[in-house]
Amino acid sequence: MVVYAVSLLSGGLDSTTVTTYAREHSDNLTGLTFEYGQTHSKEVQCASRIADILGIQHRVVDISFIRELAWYSALTNPDAFNVPRGSTDIGTSIPITYVPLRNTIFISMAAALLESTILSGIEVDGINPRDIKPVIYLAPNAIDYSGYPDCRPEYYDQVKSSLHLGSKIGASYDIPFEIQTPIIELSKAEIVRMALTIEAPIEQTWSCYLGGDAPCGECDSCQLRAKGFEEANAIDPALSTGP
């Protein structure tokens, strides 16, 4: 069985941990990063360095037009909405940093890349469909998270079914897409411990919703990251070395 895999790599702590994990469980892994019109490109730059360190294929795809459609978010429309800072109720409601259907768009595009590769293997190179396993790795988390609806396990169960029904590899070859979310039920402290254990290059990661020379320390993402390292009794290497 040959595992063809795509790992969504944003350049943050969680996706870097999952991509490092995916590297050890895949025969052919591509890190996939999107320029989706987010407020800064620092995380994209981090993703490129991380992919180099991991020694995996890396594709950066410009879908910045998405901000014209998914405009109701502080991450795609900072002129209209401010990134919340100093929140005390993280995870109790869906914040303005939620980008409408972002994960649904990302997963569809990752699946399209995988399906193209697999169809070429089957129909051009003559690979037996029974010898192929497509896997999409993602880093959603439903424990210590900002309250995004597309971080819940039940969402991914439905997406997997939809991909199978709506794809040629599903309809013609009965090859199911597998969606792996290794950290979805881990606390942020457990994610930190996992990253350190598997030696993920987290010193190169960027989690802050804002750009700049240093993380703001106040947005939801910064607060959750700091909480994870504190509860794991670990020092965040990105703060000492800088991504």
Protein backbone atom coordinates (compact mmCIF):
# COMPACT_ATOMS: atom_id res chain seq x y z
CA MET A 1 0.00 0.00 0.00
CA VAL A 2 1.40 3.37 -1.06
CA VAL A 3 0.27 6.34 1.03
CA TYR A 4 -0.13 9.55 -0.91
CA ALA A 5 -0.58 12.38 1.56
CA VAL A 6 -1.09 16.11 1.74
CA SER A 7 -0.62 17.95 5.01
CA LEU A 8 -2.06 21.44 5.40
CA LEU A 9 0.89 23.45 6.68
CA SER A 10 0.09 26.97 7.87
CA GLY A 11 3.42 27.58 9.59
CA GLY A 12 1.93 27.47 13.08
CA LEU A 13 2.58 25.20 16.04
CA ASP A 14 -0.28 22.79 15.42
CA SER A 15 0.14 22.27 11.68
CA THR A 16 3.91 21.88 12.04
CA THR A 17 3.41 19.19 14.67
CA VAL A 18 0.92 17.34 12.47
CA THR A 19 3.08 17.66 9.35
CA THR A 20 6.08 16.26 11.23
CA TYR A 21 3.88 13.37 12.35
CA ALA A 22 2.61 12.89 8.78
CA ARG A 23 6.15 12.66 7.43
CA GLU A 24 6.70 9.53 9.50
CA HIS A 25 3.46 7.90 8.25
CA SER A 26 3.52 8.69 4.53
CA ASP A 27 5.41 7.47 1.47
CA ASN A 28 4.73 10.58 -0.58
CA LEU A 29 3.99 13.73 1.45
CA THR A 30 3.36 17.25 0.22
CA GLY A 31 3.02 20.19 2.57
CA LEU A 32 0.34 22.51 1.22
CA THR A 33 0.21 26.18 2.22
CA PHE A 34 -2.32 28.76 1.09
CA GLU A 35 -1.99 32.48 0.55
CA TYR A 36 -5.66 33.19 1.17
CA GLY A 37 -5.55 36.95 1.64
CA GLN A 38 -4.62 36.75 5.31
CA THR A 39 -3.42 39.93 6.99
CA HIS A 40 0.28 38.99 6.84
CA SER A 41 2.56 36.51 5.07
CA LYS A 42 4.90 35.70 7.95
CA GLU A 43 3.29 32.32 8.60
CA VAL A 44 3.71 31.42 4.91
CA GLN A 45 7.40 32.21 5.10
CA CYS A 46 7.65 30.05 8.22
CA ALA A 47 5.88 27.19 6.43
CA SER A 48 8.48 27.25 3.64
CA ARG A 49 11.35 27.03 6.13
CA ILE A 50 9.61 24.24 8.03
CA ALA A 51 9.08 22.20 4.86
CA ASP A 52 12.78 22.59 4.01
CA ILE A 53 13.81 21.41 7.47
CA LEU A 54 11.47 18.41 7.24
CA GLY A 55 12.72 17.60 3.74
CA ILE A 56 9.26 17.34 2.20
CA GLN A 57 7.70 18.63 -0.98
CA HIS A 58 6.03 21.99 -0.49
CA ARG A 59 3.49 23.89 -2.51
CA VAL A 60 2.36 27.44 -1.79
CA VAL A 61 -0.85 28.25 -3.65
CA ASP A 62 -2.17 31.78 -4.06
CA ILE A 63 -5.93 31.84 -3.47
CA SER A 64 -5.95 35.40 -2.19
CA PHE A 65 -9.15 36.03 -4.11
CA ILE A 66 -10.85 34.21 -1.22
CA ARG A 67 -10.75 37.40 0.81
CA GLU A 68 -13.22 38.90 -1.67
CA LEU A 69 -15.70 36.16 -0.77
CA ALA A 70 -14.84 35.28 2.83
CA TRP A 71 -14.59 38.96 3.80
CA TYR A 72 -16.41 38.73 7.13
CA SER A 73 -13.29 38.08 9.20
CA ALA A 74 -10.57 40.05 10.93
CA LEU A 75 -8.01 37.84 9.16
CA THR A 76 -9.16 38.76 5.64
CA ASN A 77 -10.63 42.21 6.23
CA PRO A 78 -8.56 43.97 8.91
CA ASP A 79 -9.75 47.41 7.81
CA ALA A 80 -13.28 46.50 8.88
CA PHE A 81 -12.64 44.22 11.86
CA ASN A 82 -10.05 44.25 14.63
CA VAL A 83 -8.34 41.11 15.88
CA PRO A 84 -9.57 40.62 19.48
CA ARG A 85 -6.79 41.06 22.04
CA GLY A 86 -6.80 40.12 25.68
CA SER A 87 -9.90 37.94 25.42
CA THR A 88 -11.02 36.18 28.58
CA ASP A 89 -13.73 34.03 27.03
CA ILE A 90 -11.78 32.11 24.37
CA GLY A 91 -13.77 29.20 22.96
CA THR A 92 -17.17 30.25 24.30
CA SER A 93 -18.35 31.70 20.97
CA ILE A 94 -17.19 31.94 17.36
CA PRO A 95 -14.82 34.93 17.17
CA ILE A 96 -14.38 37.42 14.34
CA THR A 97 -11.09 35.69 13.42
CA TYR A 98 -13.14 32.82 11.99
CA VAL A 99 -12.81 32.88 8.17
CA PRO A 100 -16.05 31.69 6.53
CA LEU A 101 -15.67 28.08 5.36
CA ARG A 102 -11.88 28.35 5.24
CA ASN A 103 -11.24 24.73 6.20
CA THR A 104 -13.87 23.49 3.76
CA ILE A 105 -12.13 25.37 0.95
CA PHE A 106 -8.69 24.17 2.02
CA ILE A 107 -9.74 20.53 2.28
CA SER A 108 -11.40 20.61 -1.14
CA MET A 109 -8.23 21.96 -2.71
CA ALA A 110 -6.03 19.44 -0.90
CA ALA A 111 -8.33 16.67 -2.11
CA ALA A 112 -8.15 17.99 -5.69
CA LEU A 113 -4.34 17.86 -5.58
CA LEU A 114 -4.39 14.35 -4.16
CA GLU A 115 -6.98 13.11 -6.64
CA SER A 116 -5.03 14.49 -9.59
CA THR A 117 -1.90 12.69 -8.42
CA ILE A 118 -3.75 9.44 -7.84
CA LEU A 119 -5.69 9.49 -11.13
CA SER A 120 -2.43 10.05 -12.99
CA GLY A 121 -0.90 7.12 -11.16
CA ILE A 122 -3.79 4.83 -12.00
CA GLU A 123 -4.68 5.92 -15.53
CA VAL A 124 -1.24 6.91 -16.85
CA ASP A 125 1.25 4.86 -14.84
CA GLY A 126 -0.92 1.78 -14.38
CA ILE A 127 -0.82 1.61 -10.58
CA ASN A 128 -3.36 -0.79 -9.10
CA PRO A 129 -6.07 1.25 -7.32
CA ARG A 130 -6.02 -1.28 -4.50
CA ASP A 131 -2.43 -0.29 -3.74
CA ILE A 132 -3.22 3.40 -3.15
CA LYS A 133 -4.24 5.19 0.02
CA PRO A 134 -4.93 8.95 -0.09
CA VAL A 135 -4.64 10.82 3.21
CA ILE A 136 -5.23 14.46 4.09
CA TYR A 137 -3.59 15.56 7.34
CA LEU A 138 -4.98 18.55 9.19
CA ALA A 139 -4.40 20.21 12.54
CA PRO A 140 -7.80 21.18 13.97
CA ASN A 141 -8.18 21.05 17.73
CA ALA A 142 -11.46 20.80 19.63
CA ILE A 143 -10.10 21.13 23.17
CA ASP A 144 -8.02 24.31 23.61
CA TYR A 145 -9.23 26.29 20.62
CA SER A 146 -10.90 29.53 19.56
CA GLY A 147 -14.37 28.10 19.01
CA TYR A 148 -14.26 27.61 15.24
CA PRO A 149 -17.07 25.28 14.04
CA ASP A 150 -14.78 23.58 11.51
CA CYS A 151 -12.54 22.24 14.28
CA ARG A 152 -15.08 19.66 15.50
CA PRO A 153 -14.67 15.90 14.84
CA GLU A 154 -18.21 15.53 13.47
CA TYR A 155 -17.44 18.06 10.75
CA TYR A 156 -14.58 15.93 9.42
CA ASP A 157 -16.71 12.80 9.41
CA GLN A 158 -19.15 14.54 7.08
CA VAL A 159 -16.43 15.99 4.86
CA LYS A 160 -14.85 12.58 4.34
CA SER A 161 -18.16 11.16 3.17
CA SER A 162 -18.71 14.09 0.79
CA LEU A 163 -15.27 13.71 -0.77
CA HIS A 164 -15.91 10.05 -1.46
CA LEU A 165 -19.28 10.75 -3.08
CA GLY A 166 -18.05 13.69 -5.13
CA SER A 167 -14.74 12.38 -6.49
CA LYS A 168 -13.77 10.17 -9.43
CA ILE A 169 -11.48 8.05 -7.28
CA GLY A 170 -14.49 7.39 -5.07
CA ALA A 171 -17.08 6.88 -7.81
CA SER A 172 -14.94 4.92 -10.30
CA TYR A 173 -12.35 3.20 -8.13
CA ASP A 174 -13.98 3.11 -4.67
CA ILE A 175 -10.88 4.66 -3.11
CA PRO A 176 -11.89 6.52 0.07
CA PHE A 177 -10.18 9.71 1.14
CA GLU A 178 -8.81 9.36 4.64
CA ILE A 179 -8.73 12.46 6.82
CA GLN A 180 -6.28 12.33 9.70
CA THR A 181 -6.59 14.84 12.55
CA PRO A 182 -4.00 13.57 15.07
CA ILE A 183 -4.34 16.42 17.57
CA ILE A 184 -8.07 17.08 17.45
CA GLU A 185 -8.69 15.76 20.97
CA LEU A 186 -5.43 16.90 22.58
CA SER A 187 -5.03 19.83 24.92
CA LYS A 188 -2.59 22.51 23.83
CA ALA A 189 -0.16 21.25 26.47
CA GLU A 190 -0.38 17.75 25.00
CA ILE A 191 0.28 19.18 21.54
CA VAL A 192 3.39 20.91 22.85
CA ARG A 193 4.61 17.68 24.42
CA MET A 194 3.94 15.79 21.19
CA ALA A 195 5.84 18.39 19.17
CA LEU A 196 8.85 18.13 21.47
CA THR A 197 8.74 14.33 21.46
CA ILE A 198 8.71 13.99 17.67
CA GLU A 199 11.19 16.88 17.30
CA ALA A 200 8.94 19.08 15.21
CA PRO A 201 10.77 22.30 14.20
CA ILE A 202 8.50 24.48 16.31
CA GLU A 203 11.22 27.07 16.81
CA GLN A 204 10.37 28.15 13.25
CA THR A 205 6.62 28.49 13.80
CA TRP A 206 4.42 31.56 13.94
CA SER A 207 1.00 31.49 15.61
CA CYS A 208 0.14 35.17 16.10
CA TYR A 209 -2.79 36.56 14.13
CA LEU A 210 -0.80 39.76 13.65
CA GLY A 211 2.42 40.27 11.72
CA GLY A 212 5.46 42.01 13.10
CA ASP A 213 8.86 41.24 14.49
CA ALA A 214 7.46 39.49 17.57
CA PRO A 215 4.12 37.86 18.53
CA CYS A 216 1.63 40.27 20.08
CA GLY A 217 1.06 37.96 23.07
CA GLU A 218 -2.56 39.11 23.37
CA CYS A 219 -4.59 37.60 20.50
CA ASP A 220 -6.43 34.33 21.06
CA SER A 221 -3.81 32.32 19.19
CA CYS A 222 -0.93 33.79 21.21
CA GLN A 223 -2.78 33.21 24.47
CA LEU A 224 -3.59 29.58 23.65
CA ARG A 225 0.01 28.93 22.62
CA ALA A 226 1.40 30.47 25.82
CA LYS A 227 -1.09 28.47 27.88
CA GLY A 228 0.04 25.26 26.20
CA PHE A 229 3.72 25.79 26.91
CA GLU A 230 3.01 26.90 30.48
CA GLU A 231 0.90 23.82 31.23
CA ALA A 232 3.49 21.58 29.57
CA ASN A 233 6.21 23.14 31.74
CA ALA A 234 8.19 23.90 28.62
CA ILE A 235 9.86 26.96 27.13
CA ASP A 236 8.60 28.12 23.75
CA PRO A 237 11.71 27.91 21.51
CA ALA A 238 10.24 30.38 19.02
CA LEU A 239 10.40 33.13 21.63
CA SER A 240 14.10 32.63 22.22
CA THR A 241 15.27 31.96 18.66
CA GLY A 242 12.54 33.66 16.63
CA PRO A 243 11.03 32.20 13.47
